[in-house]
Every structure is written in structure tokens, then in C-alpha cells.
Amino acid sequence: MTGAARAPIFVYLQNNSESQEVVKPMTPSGDGGGAVQGAPGGAAPKTAQQDGGGGFPGMMMLPLVIMFALMYFLVMRPEKKRQKEAQSMRSNLKKGDRVLLTGGMLGDVAGMGDDWITVEIADKVRVQFQRSAVVSIIEARSTSDASVASSK
């Protein structure tokens, strides 16, 4: 019977309260998708899914919103704070500051530009780096210390 439509199979049920027979068609899968006995007007009773579930429709979104909030407060917000601190540290560099660079190189700031700094890593050995290469300021020298060192 491949390709041919299957005819519904009728099951005869005996109603105990009345002596009439009730005909209930069954689908080929055998689930008896017809009218349910005892339902008003012979209609199938509503399920929770058809009723709307009886709950707030946004309840499915609640776990997603909670997960995003946790990601924001545990990951994104602290990272933004670290980036702001690093940016302010790099913008406050002064001549004479001892800095640690990303490659592990240590030196004194000898000159500065907008995006570049010149670092003296040994006597009369100067190398240019981007400001973003500065990891931390090891020893910040005040402007009076820098002017005394440059006058010698």
C-alpha cells in the first residue's frame, strides 16, 4: 500500500453510561485523534500548550537574560575597567619613568609622541615602541627627579 492513502480505522467503543455505541476514528499511527468521549460538544479538550501554558510568555527568555547579565557583570564589566586603567596609565607616562614592555624589556622613557615612545634600554641605546606595548610603570619619576637627571 505504498503511495495509496490509508483509510481511517474505526474503533467501536462501548459507552458504559448509555447503551449507544460511539464511533471513534483512529489515525494510521493509532493514536485515535478523533473526538474524545465526555468532552463537551464532542470537541477535544484543550491542552496546556493550546491554552497558552497559563504562564508569562517571557518566561522562556528569562534564563537567557539571566545568563547575559551574569556574563556582563563577571566578564565584560571588569575587562572594560582594566582597559580604562591601562589607557590612563599609558596616557600618564612621563619622561624618565621606568617601564616594563610586553616583551619583558625594561627601560626608561626617553621621549614621547602621540602613539610612540622612545625607551632607553641601556646607555645610549634607544628603541621606539608603541604606547600600547607598555605593560606597567615600574618606577614613576616625578618631574623634579627627571629634570635633575637630565641636567647631569
N, C-alpha and C. Protein backbone atom coordinates (compact mmCIF):
# COMPACT_ATOMS: atom_id res chain seq x y z
N MET A 1 0.81 -1.20 0.00
CA MET A 1 0.00 0.00 0.00
C MET A 1 0.85 1.27 0.00
N THR A 2 1.98 1.22 -0.59
CA THR A 2 2.80 2.42 -0.65
C THR A 2 2.22 3.37 -1.67
N GLY A 3 2.19 4.61 -1.36
CA GLY A 3 1.68 5.63 -2.25
C GLY A 3 0.18 5.83 -2.16
N ALA A 4 -0.56 4.87 -1.68
CA ALA A 4 -2.01 5.00 -1.57
C ALA A 4 -2.35 5.58 -0.21
N ALA A 5 -3.37 6.41 -0.15
CA ALA A 5 -3.78 6.99 1.13
C ALA A 5 -4.44 5.91 1.98
N ARG A 6 -4.11 5.91 3.23
CA ARG A 6 -4.69 4.92 4.13
C ARG A 6 -6.05 5.41 4.62
N ALA A 7 -6.99 4.51 4.66
CA ALA A 7 -8.33 4.84 5.15
C ALA A 7 -8.31 4.81 6.68
N PRO A 8 -9.05 5.72 7.34
CA PRO A 8 -9.07 5.68 8.80
C PRO A 8 -9.69 4.39 9.31
N ILE A 9 -9.16 3.91 10.38
CA ILE A 9 -9.64 2.70 11.00
C ILE A 9 -10.62 3.11 12.10
N PHE A 10 -11.83 2.56 12.07
CA PHE A 10 -12.84 2.92 13.07
C PHE A 10 -12.82 1.91 14.20
N VAL A 11 -12.83 2.44 15.40
CA VAL A 11 -12.87 1.60 16.59
C VAL A 11 -14.20 1.84 17.27
N TYR A 12 -14.86 0.78 17.61
CA TYR A 12 -16.15 0.89 18.27
C TYR A 12 -15.95 0.79 19.77
N LEU A 13 -16.34 1.83 20.47
CA LEU A 13 -16.22 1.86 21.93
C LEU A 13 -17.60 1.77 22.54
N GLN A 14 -17.71 1.08 23.61
CA GLN A 14 -18.98 0.92 24.30
C GLN A 14 -19.05 1.94 25.41
N ASN A 15 -20.05 2.79 25.40
CA ASN A 15 -20.24 3.78 26.45
C ASN A 15 -20.97 3.10 27.59
N ASN A 16 -20.38 3.12 28.78
CA ASN A 16 -20.97 2.42 29.92
C ASN A 16 -22.23 3.09 30.44
N SER A 17 -22.32 4.42 30.36
CA SER A 17 -23.47 5.10 30.92
C SER A 17 -24.69 5.00 30.01
N GLU A 18 -24.45 4.87 28.73
CA GLU A 18 -25.54 4.77 27.78
C GLU A 18 -25.36 3.50 26.97
N SER A 19 -26.38 3.11 26.30
CA SER A 19 -26.30 1.87 25.52
C SER A 19 -25.98 2.15 24.05
N GLN A 20 -25.59 3.40 23.73
CA GLN A 20 -25.26 3.73 22.35
C GLN A 20 -23.78 3.44 22.09
N GLU A 21 -23.48 3.05 20.88
CA GLU A 21 -22.10 2.84 20.50
C GLU A 21 -21.53 4.15 19.98
N VAL A 22 -20.27 4.40 20.32
CA VAL A 22 -19.59 5.62 19.87
C VAL A 22 -18.54 5.20 18.87
N VAL A 23 -18.54 5.86 17.72
CA VAL A 23 -17.55 5.56 16.69
C VAL A 23 -16.43 6.58 16.81
N LYS A 24 -15.22 6.08 16.97
CA LYS A 24 -14.06 6.96 17.14
C LYS A 24 -13.05 6.62 16.05
N PRO A 25 -12.81 7.53 15.08
CA PRO A 25 -11.83 7.21 14.03
C PRO A 25 -10.42 7.26 14.59
N MET A 26 -9.57 6.36 14.12
CA MET A 26 -8.16 6.33 14.53
C MET A 26 -7.31 6.71 13.33
N THR A 27 -6.26 7.41 13.59
CA THR A 27 -5.33 7.75 12.53
C THR A 27 -4.44 6.55 12.28
N PRO A 28 -3.74 6.50 11.13
CA PRO A 28 -2.87 5.36 10.84
C PRO A 28 -1.81 5.13 11.91
N SER A 29 -1.44 6.18 12.67
CA SER A 29 -0.44 5.98 13.72
C SER A 29 -1.05 5.30 14.93
N GLY A 30 -2.36 5.25 15.01
CA GLY A 30 -3.03 4.52 16.07
C GLY A 30 -3.29 5.34 17.31
N ASP A 31 -3.20 6.69 17.21
CA ASP A 31 -3.39 7.49 18.43
C ASP A 31 -4.83 7.90 18.66
N GLY A 32 -5.72 7.59 17.76
CA GLY A 32 -7.14 7.89 17.96
C GLY A 32 -7.39 9.37 18.04
N GLY A 33 -7.05 10.11 16.99
CA GLY A 33 -7.11 11.55 17.01
C GLY A 33 -8.48 12.14 16.88
N GLY A 34 -9.54 11.39 17.02
CA GLY A 34 -10.90 11.91 16.86
C GLY A 34 -11.41 12.56 18.13
N ALA A 35 -12.75 12.67 18.19
CA ALA A 35 -13.38 13.30 19.34
C ALA A 35 -13.20 12.43 20.58
N VAL A 36 -13.05 13.08 21.70
CA VAL A 36 -12.84 12.36 22.96
C VAL A 36 -14.17 12.22 23.66
N GLN A 37 -14.39 11.07 24.21
CA GLN A 37 -15.63 10.78 24.91
C GLN A 37 -15.72 11.65 26.16
N GLY A 38 -16.82 12.24 26.39
CA GLY A 38 -17.03 13.02 27.60
C GLY A 38 -16.70 14.49 27.44
N ALA A 39 -16.09 14.91 26.33
CA ALA A 39 -15.78 16.32 26.12
C ALA A 39 -17.04 17.02 25.66
N PRO A 40 -17.25 18.27 26.07
CA PRO A 40 -18.46 18.98 25.67
C PRO A 40 -18.51 19.19 24.17
N GLY A 41 -19.63 18.83 23.56
CA GLY A 41 -19.82 19.02 22.13
C GLY A 41 -18.96 18.08 21.30
N GLY A 42 -18.35 17.09 21.88
CA GLY A 42 -17.53 16.15 21.15
C GLY A 42 -16.17 16.71 20.77
N ALA A 43 -15.83 17.90 21.27
CA ALA A 43 -14.55 18.51 20.93
C ALA A 43 -13.46 17.98 21.87
N ALA A 44 -12.25 17.98 21.36
CA ALA A 44 -11.13 17.53 22.18
C ALA A 44 -10.83 18.57 23.25
N PRO A 45 -10.48 18.15 24.46
CA PRO A 45 -10.16 19.13 25.50
C PRO A 45 -8.87 19.86 25.15
N LYS A 46 -8.77 21.12 25.60
CA LYS A 46 -7.58 21.92 25.33
C LYS A 46 -6.42 21.43 26.17
N THR A 47 -5.26 21.47 25.58
CA THR A 47 -4.05 21.13 26.34
C THR A 47 -3.44 22.42 26.87
N ALA A 48 -2.42 22.30 27.71
CA ALA A 48 -1.77 23.48 28.29
C ALA A 48 -1.08 24.30 27.21
N GLN A 49 -0.59 23.63 26.19
CA GLN A 49 0.09 24.35 25.12
C GLN A 49 -0.91 25.16 24.30
N GLN A 50 -2.11 24.63 24.08
CA GLN A 50 -3.11 25.36 23.33
C GLN A 50 -3.66 26.52 24.14
N ASP A 51 -3.71 26.36 25.44
CA ASP A 51 -4.21 27.40 26.33
C ASP A 51 -3.24 28.56 26.48
N GLY A 52 -2.01 28.40 26.07
CA GLY A 52 -1.02 29.43 26.27
C GLY A 52 -0.11 29.08 27.44
N GLY A 53 -0.28 27.92 28.02
CA GLY A 53 0.59 27.49 29.09
C GLY A 53 0.22 28.06 30.44
N GLY A 54 -0.60 29.06 30.48
CA GLY A 54 -1.02 29.63 31.74
C GLY A 54 0.06 30.47 32.41
N GLY A 55 1.24 30.61 31.79
CA GLY A 55 2.33 31.38 32.39
C GLY A 55 2.66 32.59 31.55
N PHE A 56 3.61 33.35 32.04
CA PHE A 56 4.08 34.54 31.35
C PHE A 56 4.86 34.13 30.10
N PRO A 57 4.56 34.70 28.93
CA PRO A 57 5.24 34.28 27.70
C PRO A 57 6.74 34.55 27.72
N GLY A 58 7.20 35.51 28.48
CA GLY A 58 8.62 35.83 28.54
C GLY A 58 9.43 34.91 29.43
N MET A 59 8.78 33.94 30.04
CA MET A 59 9.50 33.03 30.94
C MET A 59 10.53 32.20 30.19
N MET A 60 10.32 31.97 28.91
CA MET A 60 11.32 31.24 28.13
C MET A 60 12.57 32.09 27.95
N MET A 61 12.44 33.39 27.93
CA MET A 61 13.57 34.29 27.73
C MET A 61 14.33 34.56 29.02
N LEU A 62 13.73 34.29 30.16
CA LEU A 62 14.33 34.62 31.44
C LEU A 62 15.71 34.00 31.64
N PRO A 63 15.93 32.71 31.38
CA PRO A 63 17.28 32.15 31.55
C PRO A 63 18.30 32.82 30.65
N LEU A 64 17.90 33.18 29.45
CA LEU A 64 18.81 33.85 28.53
C LEU A 64 19.20 35.23 29.05
N VAL A 65 18.24 35.95 29.59
CA VAL A 65 18.51 37.28 30.15
C VAL A 65 19.42 37.17 31.37
N ILE A 66 19.17 36.19 32.21
CA ILE A 66 20.00 36.00 33.41
C ILE A 66 21.43 35.64 33.01
N MET A 67 21.58 34.78 31.99
CA MET A 67 22.91 34.39 31.54
C MET A 67 23.67 35.60 30.98
N PHE A 68 22.99 36.45 30.22
CA PHE A 68 23.65 37.64 29.67
C PHE A 68 24.06 38.59 30.79
N ALA A 69 23.20 38.76 31.79
CA ALA A 69 23.53 39.64 32.91
C ALA A 69 24.75 39.12 33.67
N LEU A 70 24.82 37.82 33.88
CA LEU A 70 25.99 37.25 34.55
C LEU A 70 27.26 37.46 33.73
N MET A 71 27.17 37.25 32.42
CA MET A 71 28.33 37.48 31.56
C MET A 71 28.78 38.94 31.63
N TYR A 72 27.83 39.84 31.66
CA TYR A 72 28.18 41.26 31.70
C TYR A 72 28.90 41.60 33.00
N PHE A 73 28.34 41.18 34.14
CA PHE A 73 28.92 41.57 35.43
C PHE A 73 30.17 40.78 35.78
N LEU A 74 30.34 39.56 35.28
CA LEU A 74 31.50 38.77 35.64
C LEU A 74 32.65 38.86 34.64
N VAL A 75 32.35 39.19 33.38
CA VAL A 75 33.40 39.19 32.37
C VAL A 75 33.58 40.57 31.72
N MET A 76 32.52 41.09 31.14
CA MET A 76 32.65 42.29 30.31
C MET A 76 32.97 43.55 31.13
N ARG A 77 32.30 43.74 32.22
CA ARG A 77 32.49 44.95 33.02
C ARG A 77 33.89 45.04 33.64
N PRO A 78 34.41 43.97 34.26
CA PRO A 78 35.78 44.06 34.77
C PRO A 78 36.82 44.26 33.67
N GLU A 79 36.59 43.69 32.49
CA GLU A 79 37.54 43.87 31.39
C GLU A 79 37.57 45.33 30.93
N LYS A 80 36.41 45.97 30.86
CA LYS A 80 36.37 47.39 30.49
C LYS A 80 37.09 48.23 31.53
N LYS A 81 36.94 47.87 32.79
CA LYS A 81 37.61 48.61 33.86
C LYS A 81 39.13 48.49 33.72
N ARG A 82 39.63 47.27 33.44
CA ARG A 82 41.07 47.07 33.25
C ARG A 82 41.58 47.85 32.05
N GLN A 83 40.80 47.88 30.97
CA GLN A 83 41.21 48.62 29.78
C GLN A 83 41.30 50.12 30.06
N LYS A 84 40.35 50.65 30.83
CA LYS A 84 40.39 52.08 31.18
C LYS A 84 41.61 52.40 32.03
N GLU A 85 41.92 51.52 32.99
CA GLU A 85 43.08 51.74 33.84
C GLU A 85 44.37 51.71 33.03
N ALA A 86 44.50 50.76 32.12
CA ALA A 86 45.69 50.65 31.28
C ALA A 86 45.81 51.88 30.38
N GLN A 87 44.71 52.34 29.83
CA GLN A 87 44.74 53.53 28.97
C GLN A 87 45.16 54.76 29.74
N SER A 88 44.64 54.92 30.96
CA SER A 88 45.03 56.09 31.76
C SER A 88 46.50 56.00 32.18
N MET A 89 46.99 54.79 32.47
CA MET A 89 48.40 54.61 32.82
C MET A 89 49.28 54.99 31.63
N ARG A 90 48.91 54.58 30.42
CA ARG A 90 49.71 54.89 29.24
C ARG A 90 49.67 56.37 28.88
N SER A 91 48.54 57.01 29.16
CA SER A 91 48.45 58.44 28.84
C SER A 91 49.19 59.30 29.87
N ASN A 92 49.45 58.75 31.05
CA ASN A 92 50.15 59.50 32.10
C ASN A 92 51.64 59.21 32.14
N LEU A 93 52.19 58.60 31.09
CA LEU A 93 53.64 58.36 31.04
C LEU A 93 54.39 59.68 30.98
N LYS A 94 55.53 59.72 31.66
CA LYS A 94 56.38 60.92 31.65
C LYS A 94 57.80 60.52 31.31
N LYS A 95 58.57 61.47 30.86
CA LYS A 95 59.98 61.23 30.58
C LYS A 95 60.67 60.81 31.87
N GLY A 96 61.47 59.77 31.79
CA GLY A 96 62.20 59.31 32.96
C GLY A 96 61.53 58.16 33.70
N ASP A 97 60.29 57.85 33.38
CA ASP A 97 59.61 56.72 34.03
C ASP A 97 60.26 55.40 33.60
N ARG A 98 60.43 54.50 34.55
CA ARG A 98 60.93 53.15 34.23
C ARG A 98 59.70 52.30 33.93
N VAL A 99 59.72 51.68 32.72
CA VAL A 99 58.54 50.94 32.27
C VAL A 99 58.92 49.50 31.92
N LEU A 100 57.92 48.63 32.04
CA LEU A 100 58.03 47.24 31.60
C LEU A 100 57.21 47.12 30.33
N LEU A 101 57.84 46.55 29.28
CA LEU A 101 57.17 46.41 27.99
C LEU A 101 56.68 44.98 27.80
N THR A 102 55.84 44.77 26.79
CA THR A 102 55.20 43.46 26.59
C THR A 102 56.20 42.34 26.37
N GLY A 103 57.32 42.57 25.77
CA GLY A 103 58.32 41.53 25.52
C GLY A 103 59.16 41.24 26.74
N GLY A 104 58.90 41.91 27.85
CA GLY A 104 59.69 41.72 29.06
C GLY A 104 60.87 42.67 29.15
N MET A 105 60.97 43.58 28.19
CA MET A 105 62.06 44.54 28.18
C MET A 105 61.78 45.65 29.19
N LEU A 106 62.84 46.07 29.87
CA LEU A 106 62.74 47.09 30.90
C LEU A 106 63.58 48.28 30.47
N GLY A 107 63.07 49.48 30.62
CA GLY A 107 63.84 50.65 30.23
C GLY A 107 63.21 51.93 30.75
N ASP A 108 63.91 53.03 30.48
CA ASP A 108 63.44 54.36 30.90
C ASP A 108 62.88 55.09 29.68
N VAL A 109 61.78 55.82 29.89
CA VAL A 109 61.17 56.59 28.81
C VAL A 109 62.09 57.78 28.52
N ALA A 110 62.57 57.87 27.26
CA ALA A 110 63.47 58.94 26.87
C ALA A 110 62.75 60.00 26.04
N GLY A 111 61.68 59.63 25.37
CA GLY A 111 60.95 60.58 24.56
C GLY A 111 59.55 60.03 24.28
N MET A 112 58.66 60.94 23.89
CA MET A 112 57.28 60.52 23.66
C MET A 112 56.69 61.24 22.46
N GLY A 113 55.79 60.55 21.78
CA GLY A 113 54.99 61.11 20.71
C GLY A 113 53.53 60.78 21.01
N ASP A 114 52.68 60.93 19.99
CA ASP A 114 51.26 60.62 20.21
C ASP A 114 51.04 59.13 20.46
N ASP A 115 51.56 58.29 19.55
CA ASP A 115 51.37 56.85 19.65
C ASP A 115 52.66 56.10 19.97
N TRP A 116 53.81 56.78 19.94
CA TRP A 116 55.09 56.12 20.11
C TRP A 116 55.83 56.68 21.31
N ILE A 117 56.63 55.82 21.92
CA ILE A 117 57.54 56.27 22.98
C ILE A 117 58.93 55.76 22.65
N THR A 118 59.94 56.51 23.07
CA THR A 118 61.32 56.08 22.91
C THR A 118 61.80 55.63 24.27
N VAL A 119 62.30 54.40 24.33
CA VAL A 119 62.74 53.81 25.59
C VAL A 119 64.25 53.58 25.52
N GLU A 120 64.94 54.04 26.56
CA GLU A 120 66.38 53.82 26.66
C GLU A 120 66.59 52.55 27.47
N ILE A 121 67.10 51.50 26.79
CA ILE A 121 67.24 50.21 27.45
C ILE A 121 68.65 49.98 28.00
N ALA A 122 69.61 50.76 27.52
CA ALA A 122 70.99 50.74 28.02
C ALA A 122 71.57 52.12 27.75
N ASP A 123 72.82 52.36 28.18
CA ASP A 123 73.43 53.67 27.94
C ASP A 123 73.51 53.94 26.45
N LYS A 124 72.89 54.99 26.01
CA LYS A 124 72.87 55.46 24.63
C LYS A 124 72.27 54.44 23.65
N VAL A 125 71.42 53.55 24.15
CA VAL A 125 70.69 52.61 23.28
C VAL A 125 69.21 52.93 23.44
N ARG A 126 68.63 53.48 22.38
CA ARG A 126 67.22 53.88 22.43
C ARG A 126 66.43 53.10 21.37
N VAL A 127 65.25 52.68 21.78
CA VAL A 127 64.38 51.89 20.91
C VAL A 127 62.99 52.51 20.96
N GLN A 128 62.31 52.54 19.80
CA GLN A 128 60.96 53.08 19.76
C GLN A 128 59.94 51.95 19.88
N PHE A 129 58.90 52.21 20.64
CA PHE A 129 57.79 51.27 20.84
C PHE A 129 56.48 52.03 20.75
N GLN A 130 55.43 51.30 20.48
CA GLN A 130 54.10 51.89 20.58
C GLN A 130 53.73 52.01 22.05
N ARG A 131 52.90 52.99 22.36
CA ARG A 131 52.45 53.15 23.76
C ARG A 131 51.72 51.91 24.27
N SER A 132 51.05 51.20 23.37
CA SER A 132 50.31 50.01 23.80
C SER A 132 51.24 48.89 24.24
N ALA A 133 52.54 48.98 23.97
CA ALA A 133 53.48 47.95 24.40
C ALA A 133 53.84 48.08 25.88
N VAL A 134 53.47 49.18 26.50
CA VAL A 134 53.78 49.38 27.91
C VAL A 134 52.80 48.57 28.76
N VAL A 135 53.36 47.65 29.57
CA VAL A 135 52.54 46.82 30.44
C VAL A 135 52.32 47.50 31.78
N SER A 136 53.39 48.04 32.33
CA SER A 136 53.26 48.72 33.63
C SER A 136 54.39 49.71 33.82
N ILE A 137 54.15 50.62 34.74
CA ILE A 137 55.18 51.58 35.14
C ILE A 137 55.81 51.02 36.41
N ILE A 138 57.11 50.70 36.31
CA ILE A 138 57.80 50.11 37.46
C ILE A 138 58.14 51.18 38.48
N GLU A 139 58.69 52.27 38.01
CA GLU A 139 59.10 53.35 38.91
C GLU A 139 58.77 54.68 38.24
N ALA A 140 57.79 55.36 38.80
CA ALA A 140 57.40 56.66 38.25
C ALA A 140 58.29 57.72 38.86
N ARG A 141 58.89 58.51 38.02
CA ARG A 141 59.74 59.59 38.50
C ARG A 141 58.97 60.89 38.41
N SER A 142 59.12 61.69 39.43
CA SER A 142 58.43 62.98 39.40
C SER A 142 59.16 63.91 38.43
N THR A 143 58.54 65.02 38.09
CA THR A 143 59.13 65.94 37.13
C THR A 143 60.42 66.57 37.68
N SER A 144 60.51 66.74 38.99
CA SER A 144 61.73 67.33 39.56
C SER A 144 62.88 66.32 39.48
N ASP A 145 62.60 65.00 39.65
CA ASP A 145 63.64 63.98 39.51
C ASP A 145 64.12 63.88 38.08
N ALA A 146 63.22 64.01 37.12
CA ALA A 146 63.56 63.92 35.72
C ALA A 146 64.42 65.12 35.29
N SER A 147 64.13 66.30 35.82
CA SER A 147 64.90 67.49 35.44
C SER A 147 66.31 67.42 36.05
N VAL A 148 66.46 66.86 37.25
CA VAL A 148 67.77 66.70 37.88
C VAL A 148 68.61 65.69 37.10
N ALA A 149 67.95 64.57 36.65
CA ALA A 149 68.67 63.54 35.90
C ALA A 149 69.10 64.05 34.53
N SER A 150 68.31 64.89 33.90
CA SER A 150 68.65 65.39 32.58
C SER A 150 69.72 66.47 32.64
N SER A 151 69.86 67.17 33.75
CA SER A 151 70.86 68.24 33.87
C SER A 151 72.24 67.67 34.14
N LYS A 152 72.33 66.42 34.59
CA LYS A 152 73.66 65.83 34.88
C LYS A 152 74.38 65.46 33.67
